[in-house]
C-alpha atoms as a PDB file:
ATOM      1  CA  MET A   1      97.187 117.754 125.486  1.00  0.00           C
ATOM      2  CA  SER A   2      94.067 116.703 123.345  1.00  0.00           C
ATOM      3  CA  GLU A   3      92.532 113.229 124.399  1.00  0.00           C
ATOM      4  CA  ARG A   4      92.097 110.068 122.328  1.00  0.00           C
ATOM      5  CA  LEU A   5      95.648 110.366 120.676  1.00  0.00           C
ATOM      6  CA  VAL A   6      96.193 107.628 117.971  1.00  0.00           C
ATOM      7  CA  LEU A   7      99.737 106.445 117.284  1.00  0.00           C
ATOM      8  CA  ALA A   8      99.901 105.002 113.695  1.00  0.00           C
ATOM      9  CA  ILE A   9     102.520 103.093 111.887  1.00  0.00           C
ATOM     10  CA  GLU A  10     102.844 102.557 108.096  1.00  0.00           C
ATOM     11  CA  THR A  11     105.241 100.053 106.407  1.00  0.00           C
ATOM     12  CA  SER A  12     103.341  98.623 103.670  1.00  0.00           C
ATOM     13  CA  CYS A  13     106.364  99.177 101.216  1.00  0.00           C
ATOM     14  CA  ASP A  14     109.442 101.100 101.268  1.00  0.00           C
ATOM     15  CA  GLU A  15     108.525 103.997 103.361  1.00  0.00           C
ATOM     16  CA  THR A  16     108.715 103.856 107.161  1.00  0.00           C
ATOM     17  CA  ALA A  17     106.310 106.264 108.607  1.00  0.00           C
ATOM     18  CA  VAL A  18     104.856 107.129 112.180  1.00  0.00           C
ATOM     19  CA  ALA A  19     102.315 109.663 112.991  1.00  0.00           C
ATOM     20  CA  VAL A  20      99.890 110.844 115.800  1.00  0.00           C
ATOM     21  CA  ALA A  21      96.434 112.045 115.131  1.00  0.00           C
ATOM     22  CA  ARG A  22      94.038 113.752 117.639  1.00  0.00           C
ATOM     23  CA  GLY A  23      90.574 112.482 118.301  1.00  0.00           C
ATOM     24  CA  ASP A  24      88.996 115.016 115.818  1.00  0.00           C
ATOM     25  CA  GLY A  25      91.415 113.550 112.930  1.00  0.00           C
ATOM     26  CA  SER A  26      93.791 116.436 112.991  1.00  0.00           C
ATOM     27  CA  ILE A  27      97.623 115.343 112.726  1.00  0.00           C
ATOM     28  CA  LEU A  28      99.812 116.388 115.638  1.00  0.00           C
ATOM     29  CA  THR A  29     102.913 114.955 114.072  1.00  0.00           C
ATOM     30  CA  SER A  30     103.992 112.958 111.216  1.00  0.00           C
ATOM     31  CA  GLN A  31     107.467 111.479 110.276  1.00  0.00           C
ATOM     32  CA  ILE A  32     108.586 109.497 107.261  1.00  0.00           C
ATOM     33  CA  ALA A  33     112.119 107.987 106.569  1.00  0.00           C
ATOM     34  CA  SER A  34     112.428 107.204 102.833  1.00  0.00           C
ATOM     35  CA  GLN A  35     114.294 104.443 101.202  1.00  0.00           C
ATOM     36  CA  ILE A  36     114.307 105.784  97.613  1.00  0.00           C
ATOM     37  CA  ASP A  37     118.114 106.238  97.573  1.00  0.00           C
ATOM     38  CA  LEU A  38     118.524 102.575  98.767  1.00  0.00           C
ATOM     39  CA  HIS A  39     116.218 101.128  96.243  1.00  0.00           C
ATOM     40  CA  SER A  40     117.140 103.369  93.219  1.00  0.00           C
ATOM     41  CA  PRO A  41     120.203 101.463  92.005  1.00  0.00           C
ATOM     42  CA  TYR A  42     117.783  98.457  91.548  1.00  0.00           C
ATOM     43  CA  GLY A  43     115.059 100.317  89.565  1.00  0.00           C
ATOM     44  CA  GLY A  44     112.394  99.261  91.979  1.00  0.00           C
ATOM     45  CA  VAL A  45     111.710  98.271  95.650  1.00  0.00           C
ATOM     46  CA  VAL A  46     113.694  95.014  96.881  1.00  0.00           C
ATOM     47  CA  PRO A  47     111.459  93.510  99.697  1.00  0.00           C
ATOM     48  CA  GLU A  48     114.490  92.181 101.880  1.00  0.00           C
ATOM     49  CA  LEU A  49     115.975  95.491 101.842  1.00  0.00           C
ATOM     50  CA  ALA A  50     112.753  97.347 102.625  1.00  0.00           C
ATOM     51  CA  SER A  51     111.808  95.025 105.531  1.00  0.00           C
ATOM     52  CA  ARG A  52     115.386  95.191 106.978  1.00  0.00           C
ATOM     53  CA  ASN A  53     115.409  99.059 106.945  1.00  0.00           C
ATOM     54  CA  HIS A  54     111.909  99.081 108.411  1.00  0.00           C
ATOM     55  CA  ASN A  55     113.378  97.215 111.338  1.00  0.00           C
ATOM     56  CA  LEU A  56     116.308  99.718 111.727  1.00  0.00           C
ATOM     57  CA  ASP A  57     114.245 102.959 111.176  1.00  0.00           C
ATOM     58  CA  LEU A  58     111.025 102.149 113.136  1.00  0.00           C
ATOM     59  CA  LYS A  59     111.992 102.629 116.723  1.00  0.00           C
ATOM     60  CA  PRO A  60     114.006 105.843 116.420  1.00  0.00           C
ATOM     61  CA  LEU A  61     111.123 107.155 114.195  1.00  0.00           C
ATOM     62  CA  ILE A  62     108.475 106.470 116.880  1.00  0.00           C
ATOM     63  CA  GLU A  63     110.594 108.209 119.369  1.00  0.00           C
ATOM     64  CA  LYS A  64     111.144 111.324 117.388  1.00  0.00           C
ATOM     65  CA  ALA A  65     107.253 111.490 116.572  1.00  0.00           C
ATOM     66  CA  LEU A  66     106.605 111.346 120.267  1.00  0.00           C
ATOM     67  CA  LYS A  67     109.402 113.899 121.040  1.00  0.00           C
ATOM     68  CA  ASP A  68     108.326 116.289 118.156  1.00  0.00           C
ATOM     69  CA  GLY A  69     104.627 116.238 119.344  1.00  0.00           C
ATOM     70  CA  GLY A  70     105.454 116.577 122.860  1.00  0.00           C
ATOM     71  CA  ILE A  71     103.793 113.271 123.770  1.00  0.00           C
ATOM     72  CA  ARG A  72     104.698 110.520 126.332  1.00  0.00           C
ATOM     73  CA  LEU A  73     103.984 107.097 125.204  1.00  0.00           C
ATOM     74  CA  GLY A  74     101.557 106.697 127.998  1.00  0.00           C
ATOM     75  CA  GLU A  75      99.416 109.402 126.575  1.00  0.00           C
ATOM     76  CA  ILE A  76      98.645 107.354 123.543  1.00  0.00           C
ATOM     77  CA  ASP A  77      95.016 106.102 123.784  1.00  0.00           C
ATOM     78  CA  ALA A  78      95.067 103.873 120.562  1.00  0.00           C
ATOM     79  CA  VAL A  79      97.478 102.304 118.311  1.00  0.00           C
ATOM     80  CA  ALA A  80      97.108 101.560 114.477  1.00  0.00           C
ATOM     81  CA  ALA A  81      99.082 100.085 111.670  1.00  0.00           C
ATOM     82  CA  THR A  82      98.622  98.994 108.109  1.00  0.00           C
ATOM     83  CA  SER A  83      97.520  95.503 107.475  1.00  0.00           C
ATOM     84  CA  GLY A  84      97.548  95.493 103.790  1.00  0.00           C
ATOM     85  CA  PRO A  85      97.973  95.540 100.822  1.00  0.00           C
ATOM     86  CA  GLY A  86     101.599  95.493 100.454  1.00  0.00           C
ATOM     87  CA  LEU A  87     104.811  93.710 100.764  1.00  0.00           C
ATOM     88  CA  ALA A  88     104.234  90.964 103.484  1.00  0.00           C
ATOM     89  CA  SER A  89     107.861  91.245 105.032  1.00  0.00           C
ATOM     90  CA  SER A  90     107.220  95.046 105.310  1.00  0.00           C
ATOM     91  CA  LEU A  91     103.605  94.970 106.534  1.00  0.00           C
ATOM     92  CA  LEU A  92     104.713  92.515 109.312  1.00  0.00           C
ATOM     93  CA  VAL A  93     107.249  95.076 110.816  1.00  0.00           C
ATOM     94  CA  GLY A  94     104.612  97.751 111.335  1.00  0.00           C
ATOM     95  CA  ASP A  95     101.772  95.312 112.411  1.00  0.00           C
ATOM     96  CA  THR A  96     103.749  93.440 114.933  1.00  0.00           C
ATOM     97  CA  THR A  97     105.385  96.689 116.465  1.00  0.00           C
ATOM     98  CA  ALA A  98     102.037  98.480 116.783  1.00  0.00           C
ATOM     99  CA  LYS A  99     100.311  95.363 118.408  1.00  0.00           C
ATOM    100  CA  ALA A 100     103.118  95.027 120.824  1.00  0.00           C
ATOM    101  CA  ILE A 101     102.721  98.853 121.898  1.00  0.00           C
ATOM    102  CA  ALA A 102      98.966  98.271 122.147  1.00  0.00           C
ATOM    103  CA  VAL A 103      99.388  95.314 124.306  1.00  0.00           C
ATOM    104  CA  GLY A 104     102.071  96.897 126.548  1.00  0.00           C
ATOM    105  CA  LEU A 105      99.888 100.292 126.991  1.00  0.00           C
ATOM    106  CA  GLY A 106      96.587  98.290 127.428  1.00  0.00           C
ATOM    107  CA  ARG A 107      95.050 100.083 124.494  1.00  0.00           C
ATOM    108  CA  PRO A 108      92.962  99.306 121.531  1.00  0.00           C
ATOM    109  CA  PHE A 109      94.540  98.306 118.086  1.00  0.00           C
ATOM    110  CA  TYR A 110      93.188  99.355 114.749  1.00  0.00           C
ATOM    111  CA  SER A 111      94.155  97.314 111.742  1.00  0.00           C
ATOM    112  CA  ILE A 112      93.916  99.767 108.782  1.00  0.00           C
ATOM    113  CA  ASN A 113      93.591  98.970 105.146  1.00  0.00           C
ATOM    114  CA  HIS A 114      96.258 101.040 103.072  1.00  0.00           C
ATOM    115  CA  ILE A 115      93.830 101.856 100.390  1.00  0.00           C
ATOM    116  CA  GLU A 116      91.394 103.300 102.963  1.00  0.00           C
ATOM    117  CA  GLY A 117      94.184 105.366 104.333  1.00  0.00           C
ATOM    118  CA  HIS A 118      94.490 106.862 100.866  1.00  0.00           C
ATOM    119  CA  LEU A 119      90.772 107.207 100.306  1.00  0.00           C
ATOM    120  CA  LEU A 120      90.308 109.229 103.396  1.00  0.00           C
ATOM    121  CA  SER A 121      93.421 111.375 103.118  1.00  0.00           C
ATOM    122  CA  PRO A 122      91.978 114.232 101.129  1.00  0.00           C
ATOM    123  CA  PHE A 123      89.747 114.915 104.409  1.00  0.00           C
ATOM    124  CA  ILE A 124      92.495 114.982 106.949  1.00  0.00           C
ATOM    125  CA  GLY A 125      91.830 118.225 109.081  1.00  0.00           C
ATOM    126  CA  ALA A 126      88.320 118.334 108.060  1.00  0.00           C
ATOM    127  CA  GLY A 127      86.686 116.151 110.877  1.00  0.00           C
ATOM    128  CA  THR A 128      86.107 112.448 111.090  1.00  0.00           C
ATOM    129  CA  ASP A 129      82.825 112.368 109.117  1.00  0.00           C
ATOM    130  CA  PRO A 130      83.724 113.046 105.354  1.00  0.00           C
ATOM    131  CA  PRO A 131      80.819 113.532 103.158  1.00  0.00           C
ATOM    132  CA  ALA A 132      79.406 111.051 100.418  1.00  0.00           C
ATOM    133  CA  HIS A 133      81.573 111.555  97.196  1.00  0.00           C
ATOM    134  CA  VAL A 134      83.162 109.508  94.377  1.00  0.00           C
ATOM    135  CA  ALA A 135      86.930 109.075  94.885  1.00  0.00           C
ATOM    136  CA  LEU A 136      89.860 108.174  92.603  1.00  0.00           C
ATOM    137  CA  VAL A 137      92.648 106.363  94.331  1.00  0.00           C
ATOM    138  CA  VAL A 138      95.500 106.466  92.014  1.00  0.00           C
ATOM    139  CA  SER A 139      99.036 105.451  92.772  1.00  0.00           C
ATOM    140  CA  GLY A 140     101.819 102.894  91.826  1.00  0.00           C
ATOM    141  CA  GLY A 141      99.881  99.879  92.757  1.00  0.00           C
ATOM    142  CA  HIS A 142      96.325 100.959  92.481  1.00  0.00           C
ATOM    143  CA  THR A 143      93.834 102.879  90.326  1.00  0.00           C
ATOM    144  CA  MET A 144      90.294 102.574  91.174  1.00  0.00           C
ATOM    145  CA  LEU A 145      87.048 104.637  91.355  1.00  0.00           C
ATOM    146  CA  VAL A 146      85.318 104.237  94.608  1.00  0.00           C
ATOM    147  CA  SER A 147      81.844 105.426  95.702  1.00  0.00           C
ATOM    148  CA  PHE A 148      82.061 106.632  99.325  1.00  0.00           C
ATOM    149  CA  HIS A 149      79.071 106.289 101.352  1.00  0.00           C
ATOM    150  CA  GLY A 150      80.518 106.785 104.947  1.00  0.00           C
ATOM    151  CA  VAL A 151      83.639 105.608 106.784  1.00  0.00           C
ATOM    152  CA  GLY A 152      83.792 101.828 106.287  1.00  0.00           C
ATOM    153  CA  ASN A 153      81.039 101.828 103.737  1.00  0.00           C
ATOM    154  CA  TYR A 154      82.767 101.900 100.292  1.00  0.00           C
ATOM    155  CA  GLU A 155      81.626 100.618  96.894  1.00  0.00           C
ATOM    156  CA  VAL A 156      84.476  99.947  94.246  1.00  0.00           C
ATOM    157  CA  LEU A 157      83.000 101.130  90.918  1.00  0.00           C
ATOM    158  CA  GLY A 158      85.885  99.969  88.873  1.00  0.00           C
ATOM    159  CA  SER A 159      89.606  99.419  88.794  1.00  0.00           C
ATOM    160  CA  THR A 160      92.589  98.778  86.589  1.00  0.00           C
ATOM    161  CA  LYS A 161      92.511  95.448  84.597  1.00  0.00           C
ATOM    162  CA  ASP A 162      96.447  95.447  84.304  1.00  0.00           C
ATOM    163  CA  ASP A 163      98.807  98.241  85.184  1.00  0.00           C
ATOM    164  CA  ALA A 164      97.989 100.953  87.549  1.00  0.00           C
ATOM    165  CA  ALA A 165      98.558 104.585  86.365  1.00  0.00           C
ATOM    166  CA  GLY A 166     101.600 105.098  88.558  1.00  0.00           C
ATOM    167  CA  GLU A 167     103.062 101.779  87.566  1.00  0.00           C
ATOM    168  CA  ALA A 168     102.563 102.841  83.865  1.00  0.00           C
ATOM    169  CA  PHE A 169     104.571 106.205  84.681  1.00  0.00           C
ATOM    170  CA  ASP A 170     107.389 104.194  86.423  1.00  0.00           C
ATOM    171  CA  LYS A 171     107.810 101.568  83.860  1.00  0.00           C
ATOM    172  CA  VAL A 172     107.989 104.090  80.974  1.00  0.00           C
ATOM    173  CA  GLY A 173     110.245 106.051  82.961  1.00  0.00           C
ATOM    174  CA  LYS A 174     112.646 102.974  83.067  1.00  0.00           C
ATOM    175  CA  MET A 175     112.252 102.685  79.364  1.00  0.00           C
ATOM    176  CA  LEU A 176     113.565 106.363  79.045  1.00  0.00           C
ATOM    177  CA  GLU A 177     116.296 105.535  81.442  1.00  0.00           C
ATOM    178  CA  LEU A 178     114.979 108.116  84.214  1.00  0.00           C
ATOM    179  CA  SER A 179     116.053 107.736  87.703  1.00  0.00           C
ATOM    180  CA  TYR A 180     113.670 105.734  89.997  1.00  0.00           C
ATOM    181  CA  PRO A 181     110.661 106.485  90.369  1.00  0.00           C
ATOM    182  CA  GLY A 182     110.088 107.464  87.044  1.00  0.00           C
ATOM    183  CA  GLY A 183     106.667 109.112  87.403  1.00  0.00           C
ATOM    184  CA  PRO A 184     107.942 112.324  89.094  1.00  0.00           C
ATOM    185  CA  GLU A 185     110.645 112.560  86.389  1.00  0.00           C
ATOM    186  CA  ILE A 186     108.251 112.284  83.540  1.00  0.00           C
ATOM    187  CA  ALA A 187     106.165 115.065  85.200  1.00  0.00           C
ATOM    188  CA  ARG A 188     109.143 117.212  85.489  1.00  0.00           C
ATOM    189  CA  LEU A 189     110.141 116.867  81.895  1.00  0.00           C
ATOM    190  CA  ALA A 190     106.541 117.209  80.803  1.00  0.00           C
ATOM    191  CA  GLU A 191     106.431 120.619  82.292  1.00  0.00           C
ATOM    192  CA  VAL A 192     108.200 122.215  79.094  1.00  0.00           C
ATOM    193  CA  GLY A 193     106.945 119.609  76.656  1.00  0.00           C
ATOM    194  CA  ASP A 194     104.198 119.658  73.939  1.00  0.00           C
ATOM    195  CA  ALA A 195     101.349 117.254  75.072  1.00  0.00           C
ATOM    196  CA  GLY A 196      99.889 117.216  71.615  1.00  0.00           C
ATOM    197  CA  ALA A 197     103.243 116.100  69.935  1.00  0.00           C
ATOM    198  CA  TYR A 198     102.511 112.345  70.146  1.00  0.00           C
ATOM    199  CA  ASP A 199      99.243 110.725  69.785  1.00  0.00           C
ATOM    200  CA  PHE A 200      99.021 108.067  72.575  1.00  0.00           C
ATOM    201  CA  PRO A 201      95.873 105.895  72.953  1.00  0.00           C
ATOM    202  CA  ARG A 202      93.232 106.693  75.505  1.00  0.00           C
ATOM    203  CA  SER A 203      92.525 103.123  76.708  1.00  0.00           C
ATOM    204  CA  MET A 204      88.835 102.367  77.873  1.00  0.00           C
ATOM    205  CA  ILE A 205      88.156 106.016  77.909  1.00  0.00           C
ATOM    206  CA  ASP A 206      84.664 105.349  76.240  1.00  0.00           C
ATOM    207  CA  SER A 207      84.342 101.766  77.557  1.00  0.00           C
ATOM    208  CA  GLY A 208      80.984 102.743  79.078  1.00  0.00           C
ATOM    209  CA  ASP A 209      82.155 101.361  82.482  1.00  0.00           C
ATOM    210  CA  HIS A 210      84.486 102.509  85.317  1.00  0.00           C
ATOM    211  CA  GLU A 211      87.364 100.274  84.465  1.00  0.00           C
ATOM    212  CA  PHE A 212      91.025 101.309  83.576  1.00  0.00           C
ATOM    213  CA  SER A 213      93.783  99.755  81.584  1.00  0.00           C
ATOM    214  CA  PHE A 214      97.169 101.197  80.999  1.00  0.00           C
ATOM    215  CA  SER A 215      99.192  98.246  79.575  1.00  0.00           C
ATOM    216  CA  GLY A 216      98.278  99.233  75.972  1.00  0.00           C
ATOM    217  CA  LEU A 217      99.568 102.648  76.520  1.00  0.00           C
ATOM    218  CA  LYS A 218     102.705 101.452  77.936  1.00  0.00           C
ATOM    219  CA  THR A 219     103.200  99.165  74.933  1.00  0.00           C
ATOM    220  CA  SER A 220     102.474 102.128  72.656  1.00  0.00           C
ATOM    221  CA  ALA A 221     105.261 104.019  74.449  1.00  0.00           C
ATOM    222  CA  LEU A 222     107.649 101.158  73.893  1.00  0.00           C
ATOM    223  CA  TYR A 223     106.825 101.029  70.075  1.00  0.00           C
ATOM    224  CA  LEU A 224     107.120 104.810  69.627  1.00  0.00           C
ATOM    225  CA  LEU A 225     110.431 104.906  71.390  1.00  0.00           C
ATOM    226  CA  GLN A 226     111.747 102.196  68.841  1.00  0.00           C
ATOM    227  CA  LYS A 227     110.851 104.529  65.929  1.00  0.00           C
ATOM    228  CA  ILE A 228     112.311 107.746  67.521  1.00  0.00           C
ATOM    229  CA  GLN A 229     115.754 108.430  66.596  1.00  0.00           C
ATOM    230  CA  GLN A 230     118.257 107.803  69.465  1.00  0.00           C
ATOM    231  CA  PRO A 231     119.665 109.396  71.631  1.00  0.00           C
ATOM    232  CA  MET A 232     116.506 111.562  71.915  1.00  0.00           C
ATOM    233  CA  SER A 233     116.978 115.386  72.133  1.00  0.00           C
ATOM    234  CA  GLN A 234     115.795 117.344  75.161  1.00  0.00           C
ATOM    235  CA  THR A 235     112.951 118.801  73.340  1.00  0.00           C
ATOM    236  CA  VAL A 236     111.734 115.279  71.899  1.00  0.00           C
ATOM    237  CA  MET A 237     112.195 113.759  75.434  1.00  0.00           C
ATOM    238  CA  SER A 238     110.008 116.491  76.936  1.00  0.00           C
ATOM    239  CA  ASP A 239     107.310 116.224  74.188  1.00  0.00           C
ATOM    240  CA  PHE A 240     107.272 112.462  74.501  1.00  0.00           C
ATOM    241  CA  CYS A 241     106.654 112.626  78.435  1.00  0.00           C
ATOM    242  CA  ALA A 242     103.989 115.487  78.116  1.00  0.00           C
ATOM    243  CA  SER A 243     102.156 113.468  75.581  1.00  0.00           C
ATOM    244  CA  PHE A 244     102.504 110.309  77.585  1.00  0.00           C
ATOM    245  CA  GLN A 245     101.260 112.158  80.746  1.00  0.00           C
ATOM    246  CA  GLU A 246      98.391 113.762  79.021  1.00  0.00           C
ATOM    247  CA  ALA A 247      97.027 110.364  77.736  1.00  0.00           C
ATOM    248  CA  ILE A 248      96.926 109.003  81.409  1.00  0.00           C
ATOM    249  CA  VAL A 249      95.492 112.369  82.633  1.00  0.00           C
ATOM    250  CA  ASP A 250      92.735 112.455  80.000  1.00  0.00           C
ATOM    251  CA  VAL A 251      91.545 109.012  80.966  1.00  0.00           C
ATOM    252  CA  LEU A 252      91.682 109.641  84.780  1.00  0.00           C
ATOM    253  CA  VAL A 253      89.878 112.992  84.581  1.00  0.00           C
ATOM    254  CA  THR A 254      87.291 111.781  82.079  1.00  0.00           C
ATOM    255  CA  LYS A 255      86.364 108.801  84.138  1.00  0.00           C
ATOM    256  CA  LEU A 256      86.335 110.266  87.497  1.00  0.00           C
ATOM    257  CA  PHE A 257      83.864 113.190  86.600  1.00  0.00           C
ATOM    258  CA  ARG A 258      81.671 110.706  84.572  1.00  0.00           C
ATOM    259  CA  ALA A 259      81.405 108.575  87.688  1.00  0.00           C
ATOM    260  CA  VAL A 260      80.495 111.647  89.612  1.00  0.00           C
ATOM    261  CA  GLU A 261      77.759 112.468  87.433  1.00  0.00           C
ATOM    262  CA  GLU A 262      76.467 108.854  87.123  1.00  0.00           C
ATOM    263  CA  GLU A 263      76.559 108.650  91.217  1.00  0.00           C
ATOM    264  CA  GLY A 264      74.625 111.917  91.442  1.00  0.00           C
ATOM    265  CA  VAL A 265      77.045 113.485  94.060  1.00  0.00           C
ATOM    266  CA  ARG A 266      78.574 117.004  94.218  1.00  0.00           C
ATOM    267  CA  VAL A 267      81.911 116.041  95.975  1.00  0.00           C
ATOM    268  CA  ALA A 268      84.911 114.242  94.336  1.00  0.00           C
ATOM    269  CA  ALA A 269      88.238 113.293  95.588  1.00  0.00           C
ATOM    270  CA  ILE A 270      91.664 112.171  94.327  1.00  0.00           C
ATOM    271  CA  SER A 271      94.236 110.496  96.337  1.00  0.00           C
ATOM    272  CA  GLY A 272      97.304 108.236  96.033  1.00  0.00           C
ATOM    273  CA  GLY A 273     100.930 109.053  94.945  1.00  0.00           C
ATOM    274  CA  VAL A 274      99.834 110.108  91.437  1.00  0.00           C
ATOM    275  CA  SER A 275      97.643 112.869  92.983  1.00  0.00           C
ATOM    276  CA  CYS A 276     100.815 114.731  93.502  1.00  0.00           C
ATOM    277  CA  ASN A 277     101.041 115.157  89.544  1.00  0.00           C
ATOM    278  CA  ALA A 278     100.695 118.859  88.714  1.00  0.00           C
ATOM    279  CA  ARG A 279      98.840 118.227  85.498  1.00  0.00           C
ATOM    280  CA  LEU A 280      96.258 115.894  87.145  1.00  0.00           C
ATOM    281  CA  ARG A 281      95.735 118.549  89.661  1.00  0.00           C
ATOM    282  CA  GLU A 282      95.171 121.165  87.172  1.00  0.00           C
ATOM    283  CA  ARG A 283      93.042 119.397  84.771  1.00  0.00           C
ATOM    284  CA  SER A 284      90.831 117.960  87.526  1.00  0.00           C
ATOM    285  CA  LEU A 285      90.463 121.334  89.282  1.00  0.00           C
ATOM    286  CA  ALA A 286      89.509 123.042  86.145  1.00  0.00           C
ATOM    287  CA  GLN A 287      86.844 120.465  85.441  1.00  0.00           C
ATOM    288  CA  ALA A 288      85.569 120.427  88.783  1.00  0.00           C
ATOM    289  CA  GLU A 289      85.090 124.144  88.644  1.00  0.00           C
ATOM    290  CA  SER A 290      83.356 123.918  85.260  1.00  0.00           C
ATOM    291  CA  LEU A 291      80.864 121.371  86.725  1.00  0.00           C
ATOM    292  CA  SER A 292      80.539 123.181  90.241  1.00  0.00           C
ATOM    293  CA  ILE A 293      81.907 120.029  91.896  1.00  0.00           C
ATOM    294  CA  ASP A 294      83.524 120.253  95.214  1.00  0.00           C
ATOM    295  CA  LEU A 295      86.913 118.553  94.672  1.00  0.00           C
ATOM    296  CA  ARG A 296      89.264 117.456  97.490  1.00  0.00           C
ATOM    297  CA  LEU A 297      92.742 116.776  97.170  1.00  0.00           C
ATOM    298  CA  PRO A 298      95.291 115.731  99.722  1.00  0.00           C
ATOM    299  CA  GLU A 299      98.267 117.762 100.812  1.00  0.00           C
ATOM    300  CA  PRO A 300     101.466 116.508  98.886  1.00  0.00           C
ATOM    301  CA  SER A 301     102.871 115.032 102.046  1.00  0.00           C
ATOM    302  CA  HIS A 302      99.768 113.025 102.527  1.00  0.00           C
ATOM    303  CA  SER A 303      99.658 111.655  98.947  1.00  0.00           C
ATOM    304  CA  THR A 304     102.594 109.340  98.908  1.00  0.00           C
ATOM    305  CA  ASP A 305     102.743 106.608 101.516  1.00  0.00           C
ATOM    306  CA  ASN A 306     102.411 108.046 104.996  1.00  0.00           C
ATOM    307  CA  ALA A 307     101.330 107.267 108.436  1.00  0.00           C
ATOM    308  CA  ALA A 308      99.065 110.300 108.866  1.00  0.00           C
ATOM    309  CA  MET A 309      96.476 108.744 106.567  1.00  0.00           C
ATOM    310  CA  ILE A 310      96.596 105.629 108.740  1.00  0.00           C
ATOM    311  CA  ALA A 311      96.160 107.684 112.047  1.00  0.00           C
ATOM    312  CA  TYR A 312      93.537 109.508 110.370  1.00  0.00           C
ATOM    313  CA  ALA A 313      91.526 106.567 109.279  1.00  0.00           C
ATOM    314  CA  ALA A 314      91.761 105.006 112.738  1.00  0.00           C
ATOM    315  CA  ALA A 315      90.508 108.179 114.346  1.00  0.00           C
ATOM    316  CA  CYS A 316      87.510 108.153 111.914  1.00  0.00           C
ATOM    317  CA  ARG A 317      86.754 104.667 112.830  1.00  0.00           C
ATOM    318  CA  ARG A 318      87.062 105.346 116.543  1.00  0.00           C
ATOM    319  CA  ALA A 319      84.965 108.359 116.310  1.00  0.00           C
ATOM    320  CA  GLY A 320      82.394 106.090 114.621  1.00  0.00           C
ATOM    321  CA  GLY A 321      82.329 103.860 117.674  1.00  0.00           C
ATOM    322  CA  GLU A 322      84.530 101.071 116.408  1.00  0.00           C
ATOM    323  CA  ALA A 323      86.199  99.522 119.585  1.00  0.00           C
ATOM    324  CA  GLY A 324      89.369  98.197 117.789  1.00  0.00           C
ATOM    325  CA  SER A 325      90.515  95.271 115.745  1.00  0.00           C
ATOM    326  CA  ASP A 326      91.498  91.590 117.060  1.00  0.00           C
ATOM    327  CA  LEU A 327      94.997  91.407 118.195  1.00  0.00           C
ATOM    328  CA  ASN A 328      95.079  87.893 116.437  1.00  0.00           C
ATOM    329  CA  SER A 329      94.257  89.439 113.040  1.00  0.00           C
ATOM    330  CA  ASP A 330      96.722  88.852 110.358  1.00  0.00           C
ATOM    331  CA  ILE A 331      98.311  91.014 107.685  1.00  0.00           C
ATOM    332  CA  ASP A 332      97.053  90.582 104.149  1.00  0.00           C
ATOM    333  CA  PRO A 333      99.443  91.430 101.301  1.00  0.00           C
ATOM    334  CA  ASN A 334      96.389  91.164  98.798  1.00  0.00           C
ATOM    335  CA  LEU A 335      93.765  93.010 101.182  1.00  0.00           C
ATOM    336  CA  ASN A 336      90.818  94.419  99.274  1.00  0.00           C
ATOM    337  CA  LEU A 337      89.273  97.470 100.045  1.00  0.00           C
ATOM    338  CA  ALA A 338      85.504  96.191  99.699  1.00  0.00           C
END
């Protein structure tokens, strides 16, 4: 068995996740218990339900991760958990459990920023010293551009002034009465739609900075829906979704590669739940190839909330010489990356 195993727990929102990483950052085992079916009837995450089910799922998930990895708990060399940002009641479950395990084993504890986990996720399996690059972190709660100078050395170039891209996807999905979460449903319908059928705004695409704004796009979608004859045909629905998706992708791809050029690096990365979007991947890979940029994308299983990225972040910090975090450290639902 490889030494320096890191057990990580992620409970920042509605996914209960446990993973174990080796000292080199490679993932030995990763487990996720989804709560989508639980929250779908409410059209969003209910914090009380989320935390309750984290409490129910976490112990058996830890046991499964250890069993599937062929690991005894005593072989764990460090323990990590997400400390924020996220839902306070959910964060507390993972944080307190991880600290208890660390104390019981007499091992160091690593408090990991959820956004840092996403930021590092495209480099899982590629060692613990990712190269300098510009990263686009894009999810339901976050849309930001980050200049990565090394593990723990991050400069936020810009972020969203209102809705995150994933939030805009989900809110418009709710307008269309699609199942929760709406983002993947919009992407599915967009596959057969005409992306040029409707002219949605590309907010702040030429703002001259690295900021984002998607609230205007969401409002534009609402006004257009009020003009379209209801009920919408399947063709109109697909065209609407394709056009809406293209507006978001245009902004994300344009701003990412503009930042790459301005920062003077040759490596870019995209992470977070929206990085699963097939159109975003297609457009960004094509743009990277045209500019001879090395684009890193996470595995789909490492894109949405997962503990593998938390284990990897802890392995990177440990490899860099960090001894661990204070056991008296608190969770922070509004934790910033830098």
